[in-house]
Structure formats: structure tokens, C-alpha cells
């Protein structure tokens, strides 16, 4: 008989195996360490908001959410392919919705649980999941895109950016632990707490995966991060001080991250939740690789 079990870190490896087996578009990307960072390292995480569905000793489903203020997010959900269309997914969703409602939430969003998320929405190629959410009352109406860059086929010449930075008296450096407080304050003041939390997650990686620019007065004026959201090889967020935009500093930060990933042996980079699509395609030949739909439901 099917039964629920609260998700704890003891189940990370089993959850990883389940996701890799049933999320065919992302096989191999659900690493236990990444799941830990995106789920359990989230300051808003509560164990009771995540549970697994077992049939005897086999995991056949997962439903993981998080609440921020008076709103909830579905962070990760899935049903074993051989157990779909039998009501298990609906039962799990209703269980989480009821829990969120009892805690005062009035709305639930789909997957884009920034600043700790695996995907910025539902990949529309997961047709069963799309239909599942739609049939359970979720309005899916906002589309965002990821773009990919082949790191093996590109050399990413940094010489022009190096000359540009020198002429502007701007330097790029890897964020250091001792600069955490300074950086956190700058990003929070300039971009808001969401991006601050995301990019500061780069400090948890080894090597650190956040880079910053400083002007001649040693003030921070820009940043770029990778491996802080989604899966391994995900680029973003990134931003440059408004007064310095359009000078090529954003391109230099992007190239610095791509070169770092290439040197670590990553085969590709996936630019996450892209805003300026034309910038990335003209700068590094990025191509749209996935489209995600965001949505919500009033409860």
C-alpha cells in the first residue's frame, strides 16, 4: 500500500535516483549535493513541506514545496512513469495545498521558487506535468527561456575585454569569503535581496563561482555568478551598475564565467531565465534550449 514519508536529507540519494529516472529531459543532472543546496540550504525550507510517496520500499512520487511570506511554491514534483494517471499526483498536490492553506498561504506558484530553485518554471516539454497542473486549476501563462552555450567548441577570446577593462580602470576578481558582507550589502542595495541570496550561494562552492568587478576606487560595480541556481553549469544572475552599462563590462563578466566553467571541464553552459536574448546570442552564440512556463493558483 502506498504511504507518505517526510523528506529528510537521508533520502537525498534516493530522491536523486528517482528524479534522474523519471525526468527524462534532465537525466543525470539531479545530483544529491545540488538537491541539498536547492532544497535544504533554503532558509525557508521546512521538512514537513516535502514528502515522498512509497509503494512498499520503492519511491513512486515526490512533492516538495516552500513558503515565503504568505505565498507558496512548488519546488519539485513528480510521479514514477508507471504510476501516472492513477490519482497519486493529485493526492500529493492536494495534501501540500491543504498544508499551505492551513499556514495562511493564499497563492501557490509553479517551480520558480527564487532564490533557491531547480528550474525557473515548468519545462513545457514535460507534457504530462503541464496537463496535470492545468487540470488541477493552475493558470500557466508566463513563458521564460534558457539558452545554451557549447563550451567545447568555443575558445572565448578574452583579450579585447581585458584591454577594455584596463582602459576603464576596472578589474575582475573572484569573490572572496572576506568580502561577503561588503558584497551582500552592495547587491542587496542595488539589485534586491533575491539576487543577493542567489549570487552569495557562489561562496558555498569550491571554487567560489561568483565574480565581481571593482573600479579604480575599489568599489564593487558589477557581478556574475554560475552554479547558484538550477543544475551544474547554470549561468546567472549577473548585473552591472547602471552608470557603467553598455561599455562591455557585462560581456567581460560573462566570458570570465564561461572560461572558468570551460577550464573545469564543463561541456556546456545553460544561461538561466534569460532577459536579453539578443545579447547572449550575439556575444557568445547562445541558442534557446528550453522554454519554461510559470503560473499560479489561488487557494
Protein backbone atom coordinates (compact mmCIF):
# COMPACT_ATOMS: atom_id res chain seq x y z
CA UNK A 1 0.00 0.00 0.00
CA UNK A 2 1.25 3.48 -0.86
CA UNK A 3 2.36 5.61 2.07
CA UNK A 4 3.94 9.03 2.66
CA UNK A 5 7.34 9.69 4.24
CA UNK A 6 8.63 13.13 5.20
CA UNK A 7 11.62 14.17 3.11
CA UNK A 8 14.87 14.40 5.06
CA UNK A 9 18.47 14.57 3.93
CA UNK A 10 18.75 10.83 4.49
CA UNK A 11 16.71 10.40 1.29
CA UNK A 12 18.79 12.69 -0.94
CA UNK A 13 20.47 9.89 -2.87
CA UNK A 14 17.18 8.03 -3.32
CA UNK A 15 15.45 11.25 -4.44
CA UNK A 16 18.27 11.86 -6.90
CA UNK A 17 17.84 8.39 -8.38
CA UNK A 18 14.07 8.85 -8.63
CA UNK A 19 14.34 12.21 -10.42
CA UNK A 20 17.01 11.02 -12.83
CA UNK A 21 14.87 8.01 -13.72
CA UNK A 22 11.63 9.94 -14.24
CA UNK A 23 12.70 13.37 -15.54
CA UNK A 24 13.92 12.23 -18.92
CA UNK A 25 14.99 15.69 -20.10
CA UNK A 26 17.35 16.15 -17.15
CA UNK A 27 18.74 12.68 -16.58
CA UNK A 28 21.96 12.74 -14.61
CA UNK A 29 21.55 16.36 -13.53
CA UNK A 30 19.81 15.67 -10.21
CA UNK A 31 22.92 15.27 -8.10
CA UNK A 32 22.38 14.75 -4.33
CA UNK A 33 24.59 17.72 -3.48
CA UNK A 34 22.64 20.01 -5.84
CA UNK A 35 19.33 18.84 -4.39
CA UNK A 36 20.66 19.59 -0.92
CA UNK A 37 21.66 23.13 -1.93
CA UNK A 38 18.40 23.92 -3.71
CA UNK A 39 16.11 22.34 -1.10
CA UNK A 40 17.68 22.02 2.35
CA UNK A 41 20.00 25.04 2.19
CA UNK A 42 17.00 27.27 1.51
CA UNK A 43 16.49 29.23 4.77
CA UNK A 44 12.72 28.94 4.25
CA UNK A 45 12.78 25.14 3.96
CA UNK A 46 10.71 23.09 6.37
CA UNK A 47 10.84 19.30 6.32
CA UNK A 48 7.07 18.96 6.52
CA UNK A 49 6.76 20.80 3.19
CA UNK A 50 8.44 17.93 1.37
CA UNK A 51 7.37 14.31 1.24
CA UNK A 52 7.94 11.13 -0.72
CA UNK A 53 5.33 8.58 -1.75
CA UNK A 54 6.38 4.95 -1.40
CA UNK A 55 4.91 1.73 -2.71
CA UNK A 56 6.46 -0.74 -0.30
CA UNK A 57 10.14 0.29 -0.46
CA UNK A 58 10.01 1.97 -3.87
CA UNK A 59 9.69 5.73 -4.26
CA UNK A 60 6.86 6.40 -6.69
CA UNK A 61 6.39 10.13 -6.15
CA UNK A 62 7.72 13.32 -4.62
CA UNK A 63 6.15 16.66 -3.78
CA UNK A 64 8.36 19.42 -2.39
CA UNK A 65 7.33 22.98 -1.68
CA UNK A 66 8.39 26.08 0.18
CA UNK A 67 6.59 29.11 1.60
CA UNK A 68 7.79 32.69 1.52
CA UNK A 69 5.65 35.13 3.45
CA UNK A 70 2.00 34.38 2.52
CA UNK A 71 2.72 32.53 -0.72
CA UNK A 72 3.78 29.00 -1.54
CA UNK A 73 5.85 27.48 -4.32
CA UNK A 74 6.00 24.03 -5.83
CA UNK A 75 9.74 23.44 -5.96
CA UNK A 76 9.87 19.88 -7.28
CA UNK A 77 7.25 17.23 -8.01
CA UNK A 78 6.97 14.01 -9.95
CA UNK A 79 5.37 10.58 -10.23
CA UNK A 80 7.03 7.36 -11.39
CA UNK A 81 6.17 6.85 -15.05
CA UNK A 82 4.44 3.51 -14.38
CA UNK A 83 2.20 5.03 -11.66
CA UNK A 84 0.87 8.05 -13.54
CA UNK A 85 -2.82 8.76 -14.20
CA UNK A 86 -3.83 6.77 -11.11
CA UNK A 87 -4.56 9.73 -8.82
CA UNK A 88 -1.32 9.67 -6.84
CA UNK A 89 -0.10 13.01 -8.12
CA UNK A 90 -3.39 14.73 -7.42
CA UNK A 91 -3.49 13.34 -3.89
CA UNK A 92 0.03 14.59 -3.18
CA UNK A 93 -0.73 18.02 -4.60
CA UNK A 94 -3.92 18.36 -2.55
CA UNK A 95 -2.01 17.37 0.56
CA UNK A 96 0.57 20.12 0.04
CA UNK A 97 -2.05 22.71 -0.95
CA UNK A 98 -4.05 21.97 2.21
CA UNK A 99 -0.93 22.31 4.33
CA UNK A 100 -0.01 25.65 2.75
CA UNK A 101 -3.56 26.95 3.14
CA UNK A 102 -3.62 25.98 6.82
CA UNK A 103 -0.48 28.07 7.27
CA UNK A 104 -2.08 31.18 5.77
CA UNK A 105 -0.89 30.98 2.16
CA UNK A 106 -3.30 32.39 -0.41
CA UNK A 107 -1.46 31.51 -3.60
CA UNK A 108 0.86 28.79 -4.92
CA UNK A 109 3.37 29.34 -7.73
CA UNK A 110 4.91 26.82 -10.09
CA UNK A 111 8.61 25.94 -9.64
CA UNK A 112 10.22 29.41 -9.93
CA UNK A 113 10.99 29.45 -6.21
CA UNK A 114 13.78 32.03 -6.39
CA UNK A 115 16.32 32.41 -4.94
CA UNK A 116 16.66 28.63 -4.38
CA UNK A 117 15.22 26.83 -7.38
CA UNK A 118 15.95 23.97 -9.75
CA UNK A 119 14.15 25.38 -12.79
CA UNK A 120 12.60 28.81 -13.45
CA UNK A 121 9.26 27.21 -14.25
CA UNK A 122 7.92 24.02 -15.80
CA UNK A 123 9.79 22.89 -18.89
CA UNK A 124 6.95 22.81 -21.40
CA UNK A 125 8.28 19.59 -22.93
CA UNK A 126 7.03 17.74 -19.84
CA UNK A 127 3.59 17.41 -21.36
CA UNK A 128 2.15 15.17 -18.63
CA UNK A 129 3.16 17.65 -15.94
CA UNK A 130 1.74 20.58 -17.92
CA UNK A 131 -1.61 18.83 -18.27
CA UNK A 132 -1.51 17.77 -14.62
CA UNK A 133 -1.10 21.31 -13.34
CA UNK A 134 -3.67 22.73 -15.75
CA UNK A 135 -6.25 20.12 -14.76
CA UNK A 136 -5.70 20.98 -11.09
CA UNK A 137 -6.51 24.65 -11.53
CA UNK A 138 -3.12 26.25 -12.19
CA UNK A 139 -3.06 29.16 -14.62
CA UNK A 140 0.06 28.71 -16.75
CA UNK A 141 0.60 31.88 -18.74
CA UNK A 142 4.10 33.35 -18.41
CA UNK A 143 6.92 31.93 -20.51
CA UNK A 144 10.66 32.35 -19.93
CA UNK A 145 13.66 30.88 -21.71
CA UNK A 146 17.06 29.33 -21.05
CA UNK A 147 19.90 29.47 -23.55
CA UNK A 148 22.83 27.11 -24.02
CA UNK A 149 26.44 27.69 -24.97
CA UNK A 150 28.74 24.92 -26.21
CA UNK A 151 31.88 25.33 -24.11
CA UNK A 152 33.91 22.75 -26.01
CA UNK A 153 33.52 24.40 -29.43
CA UNK A 154 34.30 27.94 -28.25
CA UNK A 155 37.60 29.45 -27.10
CA UNK A 156 36.10 32.71 -25.72
CA UNK A 157 38.90 35.15 -26.53
CA UNK A 158 39.21 37.46 -23.53
CA UNK A 159 41.90 39.75 -24.98
CA UNK A 160 39.55 42.52 -26.14
CA UNK A 161 37.68 42.50 -22.84
CA UNK A 162 40.99 42.61 -21.00
CA UNK A 163 42.04 45.73 -22.92
CA UNK A 164 38.63 47.31 -22.36
CA UNK A 165 38.72 46.72 -18.61
CA UNK A 166 42.21 48.16 -18.44
CA UNK A 167 41.13 51.32 -20.28
CA UNK A 168 38.18 51.72 -17.92
CA UNK A 169 40.38 51.03 -14.87
CA UNK A 170 38.08 48.18 -13.93
CA UNK A 171 39.21 44.79 -12.65
CA UNK A 172 37.52 41.41 -12.34
CA UNK A 173 38.19 39.14 -9.39
CA UNK A 174 36.72 36.03 -7.87
CA UNK A 175 34.61 36.89 -4.85
CA UNK A 176 36.47 36.08 -1.64
CA UNK A 177 34.94 34.97 1.70
CA UNK A 178 36.30 38.05 3.46
CA UNK A 179 34.32 40.26 1.06
CA UNK A 180 30.99 38.57 1.81
CA UNK A 181 29.50 41.36 3.95
CA UNK A 182 30.59 44.12 1.55
CA UNK A 183 29.25 42.24 -1.45
CA UNK A 184 25.97 41.25 0.18
CA UNK A 185 25.27 44.86 1.10
CA UNK A 186 26.05 46.11 -2.40
CA UNK A 187 23.92 43.54 -4.22
CA UNK A 188 21.04 43.98 -1.76
CA UNK A 189 21.09 47.75 -2.17
CA UNK A 190 21.45 47.59 -5.97
CA UNK A 191 19.51 44.52 -7.02
CA UNK A 192 17.45 43.37 -4.06
CA UNK A 193 17.59 40.51 -1.58
CA UNK A 194 16.68 37.82 -4.13
CA UNK A 195 19.74 38.26 -6.31
CA UNK A 196 21.88 38.82 -3.23
CA UNK A 197 20.90 35.42 -1.85
CA UNK A 198 21.36 33.70 -5.23
CA UNK A 199 24.76 35.12 -6.04
CA UNK A 200 26.09 34.70 -2.50
CA UNK A 201 25.44 30.98 -2.89
CA UNK A 202 28.55 31.06 -5.05
CA UNK A 203 30.55 31.39 -1.84
CA UNK A 204 29.41 27.89 -0.88
CA UNK A 205 31.06 26.38 -3.95
CA UNK A 206 34.66 25.28 -4.26
CA UNK A 207 35.99 27.12 -6.14
CA UNK A 208 33.76 30.13 -5.50
CA UNK A 209 31.57 30.72 -8.57
CA UNK A 210 30.79 34.43 -8.23
CA UNK A 211 32.94 37.12 -9.86
CA UNK A 212 32.86 40.86 -9.20
CA UNK A 213 34.19 43.99 -10.88
CA UNK A 214 35.80 46.84 -9.00
CA UNK A 215 36.50 50.36 -10.24
CA UNK A 216 39.69 52.33 -9.62
CA UNK A 217 38.38 53.28 -6.18
CA UNK A 218 37.95 49.57 -5.32
CA UNK A 219 34.16 49.91 -5.23
CA UNK A 220 32.11 46.95 -6.49
CA UNK A 221 30.39 47.84 -9.74
CA UNK A 222 29.23 44.52 -11.23
CA UNK A 223 28.88 40.78 -10.66
CA UNK A 224 28.21 37.45 -12.33
CA UNK A 225 27.57 34.02 -10.85
CA UNK A 226 27.17 30.44 -12.00
CA UNK A 227 26.21 27.17 -10.30
CA UNK A 228 24.00 29.04 -7.82
CA UNK A 229 20.58 28.05 -9.24
CA UNK A 230 19.35 25.17 -11.35
CA UNK A 231 21.82 22.40 -12.15
CA UNK A 232 25.57 22.31 -12.67
CA UNK A 233 26.66 24.70 -15.43
CA UNK A 234 23.84 27.22 -14.98
CA UNK A 235 24.86 30.86 -15.52
CA UNK A 236 23.26 33.77 -13.68
CA UNK A 237 22.33 36.07 -12.13
CA UNK A 238 24.53 38.89 -13.40
CA UNK A 239 24.37 42.67 -13.37
CA UNK A 240 26.39 45.85 -13.84
CA UNK A 241 25.98 49.22 -12.15
CA UNK A 242 23.54 51.29 -14.21
CA UNK A 243 26.11 54.05 -14.89
CA UNK A 244 28.53 51.56 -16.43
CA UNK A 245 26.18 49.61 -18.66
CA UNK A 246 26.82 49.42 -22.39
CA UNK A 247 30.59 49.58 -22.01
CA UNK A 248 31.32 45.87 -22.31
CA UNK A 249 31.69 45.06 -18.62
CA UNK A 250 28.75 42.65 -18.69
CA UNK A 251 30.33 40.80 -21.60
CA UNK A 252 33.63 40.55 -19.74
CA UNK A 253 31.91 39.09 -16.68
CA UNK A 254 30.06 36.57 -18.85
CA UNK A 255 33.26 35.49 -20.60
CA UNK A 256 35.08 35.17 -17.28
CA UNK A 257 32.43 32.76 -16.02
CA UNK A 258 32.33 30.76 -19.26
CA UNK A 259 36.12 30.42 -19.25
CA UNK A 260 36.01 29.26 -15.65
CA UNK A 261 33.43 26.61 -16.50
CA UNK A 262 35.40 25.51 -19.57
CA UNK A 263 38.58 25.16 -17.53
CA UNK A 264 36.72 22.97 -15.07
CA UNK A 265 35.70 20.64 -17.88
CA UNK A 266 32.03 21.59 -18.20
CA UNK A 267 30.76 20.64 -21.70
CA UNK A 268 28.09 23.33 -21.85
CA UNK A 269 26.63 26.31 -20.04
CA UNK A 270 22.92 26.95 -19.64
CA UNK A 271 22.07 30.62 -19.20
CA UNK A 272 19.12 30.71 -16.83
CA UNK A 273 15.91 32.74 -17.04
CA UNK A 274 17.24 34.93 -19.86
CA UNK A 275 16.21 38.54 -20.25
CA UNK A 276 18.26 40.00 -23.16
CA UNK A 277 18.19 37.05 -25.58
CA UNK A 278 19.85 39.02 -28.38
CA UNK A 279 22.79 39.99 -26.13
CA UNK A 280 23.69 36.39 -25.40
CA UNK A 281 23.28 35.13 -28.94
CA UNK A 282 25.36 37.97 -30.42
CA UNK A 283 28.00 37.82 -27.68
CA UNK A 284 28.67 34.08 -27.32
CA UNK A 285 26.42 32.40 -29.89
CA UNK A 286 23.93 31.18 -27.30
CA UNK A 287 20.83 29.36 -28.52
CA UNK A 288 17.44 28.99 -26.84
CA UNK A 289 17.46 25.47 -25.44
CA UNK A 290 14.39 25.32 -23.22
CA UNK A 291 11.18 27.21 -22.56
CA UNK A 292 9.55 27.24 -19.14
CA UNK A 293 6.06 28.23 -18.18
CA UNK A 294 5.31 29.95 -14.90
CA UNK A 295 1.93 30.09 -13.27
CA UNK A 296 -0.02 30.06 -10.06
CA UNK A 297 -3.22 29.09 -8.34
CA UNK A 298 -5.30 30.89 -5.72
CA UNK A 299 -6.10 28.72 -2.71
